[in-house]
C-alpha cells in the first residue's frame, strides 16, 4: 500500500472520529444554550491545557482534543477533571509520543 493510500480500517476509524466530534460539538452547543450563569458555573478545559503539561507539547491539536474528549467521556463528578487526569489519559492514549525535557 502506498503512503498516500488509506486502509479501510483507518478510513472507518477516521469517519467514526468525525461522527463523534460532530456529536460532541452538538452536545456542547446544547450545553451552552442551556447555561444559566445565574444558577450554574461552567469550567472549560482547552487543548493548551493538555499540550502545556510537561512533555506533551508534541501532541497535535487533534490529539490534544482527543484527550479532552476522553476526559469528558469518562468524567467522574466525584473526582473531577484536573491536570493529573489529563496527563493519565494522554499517557494511556499517546505514551509513546511523550518527549523528555
Foldseek 3Di string as FASTA:
>chain_A
DDPPDDDPVRVVVVVVVVVVVVVVVVVVVVCVVPDDVVPDDDDDDALCLLLVDQQNVQDDRVLSVVLVVVCVVPPDVVVGDDSVSSVVSCCVVPVVRGDDD
